Amino acid sequence: MLEILLFLLLPVAAWAGWRFARVSSRHGEKKRSRQLSNRYFQGLNYLLNEQPDKAIQVFMQMAEVNRDTVETHLALGSLFRRRGEVDRAIRLHQNIISKRNLDEKQRTLALLELGEDYMRAGLFDRAEKLFSELIERQIHTPSALRNLLDIYQQEKEWDKALDIATRLEQVDPNPMGPSMSHFSCEQAELEVANGASEAARQHLRQARRFDPESIRVEMIAARIALANEDFSAAMSHYERIAELDSSYLHDILDPYFDSASRGQLLERARMRLDEWSKGYDGISVVLRLASFIEAEQGPAAAANYLSERLAARPSVRGLHKLMELREPGADASGATEQILLSVIQGLLKSQSTYRCGHCGFSGHQHHWQCPSCKHWGTTRIIRGVLGE
């Protein structure tokens, strides 16, 4: 990426050199042009020899900041920021802004870049001030709003995030409803933690308006119902989740059956489980049904059921349960099975459970916002032999 950005700078730097040579006096024109040409090829040579620092220094020396070369310096500043040299990027962009011979468009573009420098450095208050100024002047509004939204998400200022997202939706074609629903859910989570169920419900109603099919809204609503011992309502919320997106069955089965058990509604849960098993090919429903069969008919019947299902769709988790159900013999096969059981347990322990569908980040815990790419609602259970 670094090399690509540097090569993109070469035509700009070359043009800057040509421009300087053209505006020079006739007396020194040839000498100046020759010097610039030599410097240009010197910079190119540094690039080809993988010495980007020296190449950057050459290009910066070739072009003093003025109207004709400001874009070169803006590109260099952006490059510094991407490389993690934020202090250097800040100084360069501040230097651009200090020049009086720039037009308004160039100056405001430098302000936008400086704001992104501050964000990268963690100086959110300075960045917020710059972006707010650009928005008030109605310049680079979409970019400034997106950056402000990023700041408020990182600082968990959800009221401000909702306000900015509403304004961004007016100037950006991308729908903000799903993200705004998550912001409201974050507010609801805080109220739940404080024991304020009614305030949490208000935020959930708002979240549902932003995204009528939000899985997270139903999850939080189910937790509130459980806390209030309204077990039937909790089950209804979990059933709604399964209806909206069956991939979440893995996450809801335990609390769903906990609600059913505490509310003496196991018959309803068992009927629903039978329905889910017909349209869902994941292993979680199969394992839950196997547990029911084991309790009702014994380990042998559960093992036979599991064997049939695993023949159609192999699963390490299913095999693990099958080996637990079958009693090992007294001969060497029992020791072999024990070794295999240990291997399976190791595989399952090291295997990630969830993966982000946008960037591929994986881990054992479900995140509503991916820790890597920061997208909302992109994490799902991993499917396959080692997963669901």
Protein backbone atom coordinates (compact mmCIF):
# COMPACT_ATOMS: atom_id res chain seq x y z
CA MET A 1 0.00 0.00 0.00
CA LEU A 2 2.84 2.40 0.91
CA GLU A 3 4.61 1.85 -2.40
CA ILE A 4 1.38 2.37 -4.35
CA LEU A 5 0.72 5.69 -2.61
CA LEU A 6 4.26 6.83 -3.23
CA PHE A 7 4.08 5.96 -6.93
CA LEU A 8 0.83 7.92 -7.13
CA LEU A 9 2.77 10.91 -5.86
CA LEU A 10 5.36 10.69 -8.63
CA PRO A 11 3.26 12.30 -11.41
CA VAL A 12 2.30 15.12 -9.04
CA ALA A 13 5.88 15.67 -8.02
CA ALA A 14 6.99 15.60 -11.64
CA TRP A 15 4.33 18.12 -12.61
CA ALA A 16 5.39 20.35 -9.71
CA GLY A 17 8.95 20.27 -10.97
CA TRP A 18 7.83 21.15 -14.48
CA ARG A 19 5.72 23.99 -13.15
CA PHE A 20 8.56 25.46 -11.16
CA ALA A 21 10.86 25.21 -14.12
CA ARG A 22 8.31 26.97 -16.36
CA VAL A 23 7.75 29.93 -14.05
CA SER A 24 11.45 30.44 -13.38
CA SER A 25 13.25 33.31 -15.01
CA ARG A 26 14.69 32.64 -18.44
CA HIS A 27 18.20 33.07 -17.19
CA GLY A 28 17.99 30.19 -14.70
CA GLU A 29 15.33 28.13 -16.49
CA LYS A 30 17.55 25.42 -17.90
CA LYS A 31 19.57 25.08 -14.72
CA ARG A 32 16.44 24.91 -12.55
CA SER A 33 14.78 22.37 -14.83
CA ARG A 34 17.87 20.19 -14.82
CA GLN A 35 18.06 20.32 -11.01
CA LEU A 36 14.41 19.37 -10.64
CA SER A 37 14.79 16.55 -13.13
CA ASN A 38 17.78 15.20 -11.25
CA ARG A 39 15.90 15.40 -7.93
CA TYR A 40 12.88 13.69 -9.45
CA PHE A 41 14.91 10.74 -10.69
CA GLN A 42 16.75 10.62 -7.40
CA GLY A 43 13.40 10.23 -5.63
CA LEU A 44 12.34 7.60 -8.12
CA ASN A 45 15.58 5.72 -7.51
CA TYR A 46 14.93 5.72 -3.76
CA LEU A 47 11.50 4.24 -4.40
CA LEU A 48 12.85 1.50 -6.62
CA ASN A 49 15.42 0.65 -3.95
CA GLU A 50 12.72 0.46 -1.26
CA GLN A 51 13.86 3.59 0.58
CA PRO A 52 10.53 5.40 0.95
CA ASP A 53 11.73 7.77 3.71
CA LYS A 54 14.44 9.23 1.49
CA ALA A 55 12.01 9.38 -1.45
CA ILE A 56 9.50 11.34 0.64
CA GLN A 57 12.22 13.77 1.73
CA VAL A 58 13.21 14.41 -1.88
CA PHE A 59 9.64 15.07 -3.00
CA MET A 60 9.05 17.42 -0.08
CA GLN A 61 12.16 19.39 -0.99
CA MET A 62 11.04 19.59 -4.62
CA ALA A 63 7.75 21.27 -3.83
CA GLU A 64 7.29 24.25 -1.54
CA VAL A 65 3.69 24.71 -0.43
CA ASN A 66 1.72 26.91 -2.85
CA ARG A 67 -1.48 26.62 -4.85
CA ASP A 68 0.16 24.43 -7.45
CA THR A 69 1.77 21.96 -5.05
CA VAL A 70 -0.66 21.78 -2.12
CA GLU A 71 -2.18 18.51 -3.36
CA THR A 72 1.26 16.90 -3.31
CA HIS A 73 1.70 17.91 0.33
CA LEU A 74 -1.82 16.77 1.22
CA ALA A 75 -1.04 13.37 -0.28
CA LEU A 76 2.21 13.21 1.67
CA GLY A 77 0.38 14.07 4.88
CA SER A 78 -2.16 11.35 4.27
CA LEU A 79 0.70 8.94 3.61
CA PHE A 80 2.39 9.86 6.90
CA ARG A 81 -0.87 9.25 8.76
CA ARG A 82 -1.33 5.82 7.18
CA ARG A 83 2.22 4.91 8.15
CA GLY A 84 1.51 5.88 11.75
CA GLU A 85 3.66 9.04 11.64
CA VAL A 86 0.80 11.15 12.96
CA ASP A 87 2.93 13.93 14.47
CA ARG A 88 4.60 14.44 11.13
CA ALA A 89 1.25 14.50 9.33
CA ILE A 90 -0.10 17.07 11.81
CA ARG A 91 2.89 19.38 11.32
CA LEU A 92 2.63 19.12 7.55
CA HIS A 93 -1.11 19.88 7.46
CA GLN A 94 -0.73 22.74 9.95
CA ASN A 95 1.97 24.17 7.70
CA ILE A 96 -0.38 24.01 4.72
CA ILE A 97 -3.16 25.79 6.61
CA SER A 98 -0.77 28.58 7.66
CA LYS A 99 -0.09 29.57 4.02
CA ARG A 100 -2.00 32.67 2.94
CA ASN A 101 -1.76 32.07 -0.79
CA LEU A 102 -4.15 29.09 -0.84
CA ASP A 103 -7.73 29.20 -2.01
CA GLU A 104 -10.61 28.29 0.31
CA LYS A 105 -11.12 24.83 -1.15
CA GLN A 106 -7.51 23.85 -0.55
CA ARG A 107 -7.49 25.25 2.97
CA THR A 108 -10.67 23.43 4.02
CA LEU A 109 -9.37 20.19 2.53
CA ALA A 110 -6.27 20.59 4.70
CA LEU A 111 -8.53 21.21 7.71
CA LEU A 112 -10.34 17.94 6.99
CA GLU A 113 -7.02 16.06 6.76
CA LEU A 114 -5.81 17.69 9.99
CA GLY A 115 -8.98 16.56 11.73
CA GLU A 116 -8.30 12.99 10.63
CA ASP A 117 -4.74 13.36 11.96
CA TYR A 118 -6.11 14.39 15.34
CA MET A 119 -8.48 11.42 15.32
CA ARG A 120 -5.63 9.03 14.60
CA ALA A 121 -3.66 10.60 17.46
CA GLY A 122 -6.60 10.20 19.85
CA LEU A 123 -7.08 13.99 20.17
CA PHE A 124 -10.84 13.71 19.78
CA ASP A 125 -11.67 17.13 21.21
CA ARG A 126 -9.52 18.91 18.61
CA ALA A 127 -10.84 16.72 15.81
CA GLU A 128 -14.43 17.31 16.91
CA LYS A 129 -13.90 21.07 16.83
CA LEU A 130 -12.50 21.01 13.28
CA PHE A 131 -15.22 18.72 11.90
CA SER A 132 -17.95 20.77 13.58
CA GLU A 133 -16.49 23.90 11.98
CA LEU A 134 -16.56 22.31 8.53
CA ILE A 135 -20.16 21.19 9.03
CA GLU A 136 -21.23 24.69 10.10
CA ARG A 137 -19.60 26.10 6.97
CA GLN A 138 -21.26 23.34 4.90
CA ILE A 139 -17.93 22.25 3.45
CA HIS A 140 -16.93 18.57 3.13
CA THR A 141 -20.09 17.86 5.15
CA PRO A 142 -20.45 14.09 4.48
CA SER A 143 -16.81 13.36 5.37
CA ALA A 144 -16.93 15.57 8.46
CA LEU A 145 -20.17 13.94 9.63
CA ARG A 146 -18.76 10.43 9.14
CA ASN A 147 -15.67 11.33 11.16
CA LEU A 148 -17.75 12.88 13.92
CA LEU A 149 -19.90 9.76 14.00
CA ASP A 150 -16.76 7.64 14.40
CA ILE A 151 -15.61 9.83 17.30
CA TYR A 152 -18.93 9.61 19.14
CA GLN A 153 -19.04 5.84 18.71
CA GLN A 154 -15.55 5.48 20.16
CA GLU A 155 -16.47 7.75 23.07
CA LYS A 156 -19.83 5.97 23.46
CA GLU A 157 -21.78 9.21 23.27
CA TRP A 158 -24.85 7.60 21.81
CA ASP A 159 -27.15 10.64 21.88
CA LYS A 160 -24.66 12.61 19.81
CA ALA A 161 -24.10 9.61 17.55
CA LEU A 162 -27.84 9.40 16.86
CA ASP A 163 -27.99 13.12 16.05
CA ILE A 164 -25.04 12.93 13.65
CA ALA A 165 -26.38 9.75 12.01
CA THR A 166 -29.71 11.49 11.40
CA ARG A 167 -27.94 14.40 9.71
CA LEU A 168 -25.66 12.07 7.76
CA GLU A 169 -28.64 10.18 6.38
CA GLN A 170 -29.79 13.42 4.73
CA VAL A 171 -26.58 13.85 2.72
CA ASP A 172 -25.40 10.24 2.28
CA PRO A 173 -27.24 7.59 0.23
CA ASN A 174 -26.27 4.76 2.61
CA PRO A 175 -29.10 3.94 5.06
CA MET A 176 -28.25 4.59 8.70
CA GLY A 177 -31.24 2.78 10.25
CA PRO A 178 -29.42 -0.42 11.33
CA SER A 179 -26.54 1.54 12.91
CA MET A 180 -28.93 3.92 14.66
CA SER A 181 -30.82 0.92 16.00
CA HIS A 182 -27.59 -0.33 17.58
CA PHE A 183 -26.96 3.11 19.12
CA SER A 184 -30.38 2.95 20.77
CA CYS A 185 -29.66 -0.62 21.89
CA GLU A 186 -26.44 0.60 23.51
CA GLN A 187 -28.53 3.09 25.47
CA ALA A 188 -30.95 0.32 26.41
CA GLU A 189 -28.06 -1.86 27.61
CA LEU A 190 -26.93 0.91 29.96
CA GLU A 191 -30.43 1.25 31.40
CA VAL A 192 -30.69 -2.52 31.88
CA ALA A 193 -27.38 -2.47 33.77
CA ASN A 194 -28.82 0.25 36.03
CA GLY A 195 -32.02 -1.72 36.62
CA ALA A 196 -34.18 0.82 34.75
CA SER A 197 -36.35 -1.56 32.71
CA GLU A 198 -38.90 1.01 31.57
CA ALA A 199 -36.24 3.43 30.32
CA ALA A 200 -34.61 0.50 28.50
CA ARG A 201 -37.93 -0.36 26.85
CA GLN A 202 -38.24 3.21 25.56
CA HIS A 203 -34.86 2.95 23.88
CA LEU A 204 -35.86 -0.43 22.43
CA ARG A 205 -39.01 1.05 20.93
CA GLN A 206 -36.87 3.67 19.24
CA ALA A 207 -34.40 1.02 18.07
CA ARG A 208 -37.25 -1.01 16.59
CA ARG A 209 -38.43 2.05 14.63
CA PHE A 210 -34.97 2.41 13.14
CA ASP A 211 -34.76 -1.32 12.32
CA PRO A 212 -38.01 -3.32 12.62
CA GLU A 213 -36.11 -6.60 12.17
CA SER A 214 -33.37 -5.98 14.71
CA ILE A 215 -32.15 -9.18 16.37
CA ARG A 216 -30.49 -7.22 19.15
CA VAL A 217 -33.75 -5.52 20.15
CA GLU A 218 -35.36 -8.91 20.70
CA MET A 219 -32.33 -10.16 22.63
CA ILE A 220 -32.44 -7.26 25.09
CA ALA A 221 -36.23 -7.44 25.37
CA ALA A 222 -35.96 -11.14 26.23
CA ARG A 223 -33.42 -10.40 28.96
CA ILE A 224 -35.71 -7.76 30.45
CA ALA A 225 -38.63 -10.20 30.40
CA LEU A 226 -36.49 -12.85 32.09
CA ALA A 227 -35.40 -10.40 34.77
CA ASN A 228 -39.08 -9.66 35.44
CA GLU A 229 -39.90 -13.40 35.43
CA ASP A 230 -42.19 -13.03 32.44
CA PHE A 231 -41.02 -16.32 30.95
CA SER A 232 -43.66 -16.60 28.23
CA ALA A 233 -42.78 -13.14 26.90
CA ALA A 234 -39.07 -14.02 26.97
CA MET A 235 -39.76 -17.15 24.94
CA SER A 236 -41.78 -15.11 22.44
CA HIS A 237 -38.84 -12.79 21.89
CA TYR A 238 -36.49 -15.73 21.33
CA GLU A 239 -38.97 -17.29 18.92
CA ARG A 240 -39.08 -14.00 17.02
CA ILE A 241 -35.28 -14.10 16.72
CA ALA A 242 -35.40 -17.61 15.25
CA GLU A 243 -38.01 -16.38 12.78
CA LEU A 244 -35.91 -13.39 11.72
CA ASP A 245 -32.57 -15.19 11.45
CA SER A 246 -32.17 -18.89 12.24
CA SER A 247 -28.38 -18.56 12.47
CA TYR A 248 -28.93 -17.14 15.96
CA LEU A 249 -30.47 -20.40 17.20
CA HIS A 250 -27.07 -21.37 18.57
CA ASP A 251 -27.14 -18.29 20.82
CA ILE A 252 -30.74 -18.45 22.03
CA LEU A 253 -31.28 -22.16 22.77
CA ASP A 254 -29.86 -22.08 26.30
CA PRO A 255 -31.78 -19.00 27.52
CA TYR A 256 -34.87 -20.17 25.62
CA PHE A 257 -34.97 -23.50 27.42
CA ASP A 258 -34.02 -21.85 30.69
CA SER A 259 -37.13 -19.66 30.30
CA ALA A 260 -39.21 -22.71 29.39
CA SER A 261 -37.96 -24.64 32.41
CA ARG A 262 -38.50 -21.80 34.88
CA GLY A 263 -41.93 -21.03 33.44
CA GLN A 264 -42.96 -24.70 33.22
CA LEU A 265 -43.37 -24.33 29.48
CA LEU A 266 -41.15 -27.21 28.31
CA GLU A 267 -43.89 -28.74 26.17
CA ARG A 268 -44.13 -25.51 24.16
CA ALA A 269 -40.34 -25.42 23.85
CA ARG A 270 -40.14 -29.02 22.69
CA MET A 271 -42.76 -28.45 20.00
CA ARG A 272 -40.89 -25.40 18.78
CA LEU A 273 -37.62 -27.35 18.77
CA ASP A 274 -39.18 -30.01 16.53
CA GLU A 275 -40.23 -27.25 14.11
CA TRP A 276 -36.78 -25.70 14.08
CA SER A 277 -35.12 -29.06 13.42
CA LYS A 278 -36.98 -29.34 10.11
CA GLY A 279 -35.66 -26.10 8.65
CA TYR A 280 -32.31 -25.62 10.36
CA ASP A 281 -29.26 -27.73 9.52
CA GLY A 282 -26.99 -26.56 12.34
CA ILE A 283 -25.80 -28.95 15.03
CA SER A 284 -27.12 -27.01 18.05
CA VAL A 285 -30.74 -28.01 17.48
CA VAL A 286 -29.69 -31.62 16.87
CA LEU A 287 -27.74 -31.71 20.15
CA ARG A 288 -30.65 -30.23 22.06
CA LEU A 289 -33.01 -32.82 20.60
CA ALA A 290 -30.52 -35.57 21.45
CA SER A 291 -30.59 -34.38 25.08
CA PHE A 292 -34.37 -34.65 25.11
CA ILE A 293 -34.24 -38.15 23.61
CA GLU A 294 -31.59 -39.17 26.15
CA ALA A 295 -33.80 -38.01 29.02
CA GLU A 296 -36.92 -39.66 27.58
CA GLN A 297 -35.58 -42.89 26.05
CA GLY A 298 -32.02 -43.32 27.29
CA PRO A 299 -28.47 -42.87 25.89
CA ALA A 300 -28.76 -45.64 23.28
CA ALA A 301 -31.75 -44.01 21.56
CA ALA A 302 -30.03 -40.60 21.64
CA ALA A 303 -26.86 -42.15 20.17
CA ASN A 304 -28.82 -43.76 17.34
CA TYR A 305 -30.52 -40.44 16.56
CA LEU A 306 -27.19 -38.62 16.54
CA SER A 307 -25.57 -41.27 14.34
CA GLU A 308 -28.29 -40.81 11.72
CA ARG A 309 -27.95 -37.03 11.72
CA LEU A 310 -24.15 -37.09 11.65
CA ALA A 311 -24.17 -39.45 8.68
CA ALA A 312 -25.99 -36.74 6.74
CA ARG A 313 -23.98 -33.81 8.12
CA PRO A 314 -20.68 -34.50 9.95
CA SER A 315 -19.84 -32.31 12.95
CA VAL A 316 -17.05 -32.43 15.50
CA ARG A 317 -19.40 -31.18 18.20
CA GLY A 318 -21.88 -33.88 17.24
CA LEU A 319 -19.17 -36.55 17.32
CA HIS A 320 -18.08 -35.32 20.74
CA LYS A 321 -21.61 -35.74 22.09
CA LEU A 322 -21.96 -39.14 20.41
CA MET A 323 -18.81 -40.41 22.11
CA GLU A 324 -20.09 -39.19 25.45
CA LEU A 325 -23.33 -41.12 24.92
CA ARG A 326 -21.66 -44.42 24.02
CA GLU A 327 -20.11 -46.36 26.84
CA PRO A 328 -16.56 -47.45 25.99
CA GLY A 329 -15.79 -51.18 26.12
CA ALA A 330 -13.29 -52.76 28.45
CA ASP A 331 -10.80 -53.55 25.64
CA ALA A 332 -8.31 -51.31 23.84
CA SER A 333 -11.09 -49.64 21.83
CA GLY A 334 -12.10 -47.83 25.00
CA ALA A 335 -8.64 -46.27 25.32
CA THR A 336 -8.72 -45.33 21.65
CA GLU A 337 -12.06 -43.64 22.09
CA GLN A 338 -10.73 -41.72 25.08
CA ILE A 339 -7.78 -40.44 23.07
CA LEU A 340 -10.09 -39.42 20.24
CA LEU A 341 -12.36 -37.69 22.74
CA SER A 342 -9.40 -35.67 24.06
CA VAL A 343 -8.40 -34.67 20.53
CA ILE A 344 -11.93 -33.51 19.77
CA GLN A 345 -12.07 -31.50 22.97
CA GLY A 346 -8.81 -29.78 22.00
CA LEU A 347 -10.12 -28.98 18.52
CA LEU A 348 -13.31 -27.50 19.88
CA LYS A 349 -11.47 -25.42 22.46
CA SER A 350 -9.13 -23.84 19.88
CA GLN A 351 -11.79 -23.31 17.22
CA SER A 352 -13.25 -19.81 16.89
CA THR A 353 -17.01 -19.67 17.27
CA TYR A 354 -17.91 -16.43 15.47
CA ARG A 355 -16.63 -14.63 12.38
CA CYS A 356 -17.27 -11.19 10.95
CA GLY A 357 -18.77 -11.43 7.48
CA HIS A 358 -17.22 -8.11 6.48
CA CYS A 359 -13.55 -8.37 7.50
CA GLY A 360 -13.16 -11.99 8.65
CA PHE A 361 -12.31 -11.22 12.30
CA SER A 362 -13.02 -14.33 14.40
CA GLY A 363 -13.21 -15.21 18.07
CA HIS A 364 -15.13 -17.06 20.75
CA GLN A 365 -17.43 -14.19 21.69
CA HIS A 366 -20.28 -12.62 19.73
CA HIS A 367 -19.92 -8.87 19.12
CA TRP A 368 -22.68 -6.61 17.86
CA GLN A 369 -19.96 -4.27 16.58
CA CYS A 370 -16.94 -6.00 15.04
CA PRO A 371 -13.82 -5.07 17.06
CA SER A 372 -11.77 -5.01 13.86
CA CYS A 373 -13.74 -3.26 11.10
CA LYS A 374 -16.30 -1.56 13.41
CA HIS A 375 -19.27 -2.67 11.28
CA TRP A 376 -22.49 -3.36 13.14
CA GLY A 377 -24.36 -6.67 13.00
CA THR A 378 -21.87 -8.53 10.78
CA THR A 379 -20.76 -11.25 13.25
CA ARG A 380 -22.28 -14.70 12.78
CA ILE A 381 -21.77 -18.22 14.05
CA ILE A 382 -19.18 -20.18 12.03
CA ARG A 383 -20.69 -23.00 10.03
CA GLY A 384 -18.97 -26.25 9.06
CA VAL A 385 -17.55 -29.46 10.50
CA LEU A 386 -15.80 -27.65 13.37
CA GLY A 387 -18.58 -25.13 13.87
CA GLU A 388 -22.33 -24.96 13.66
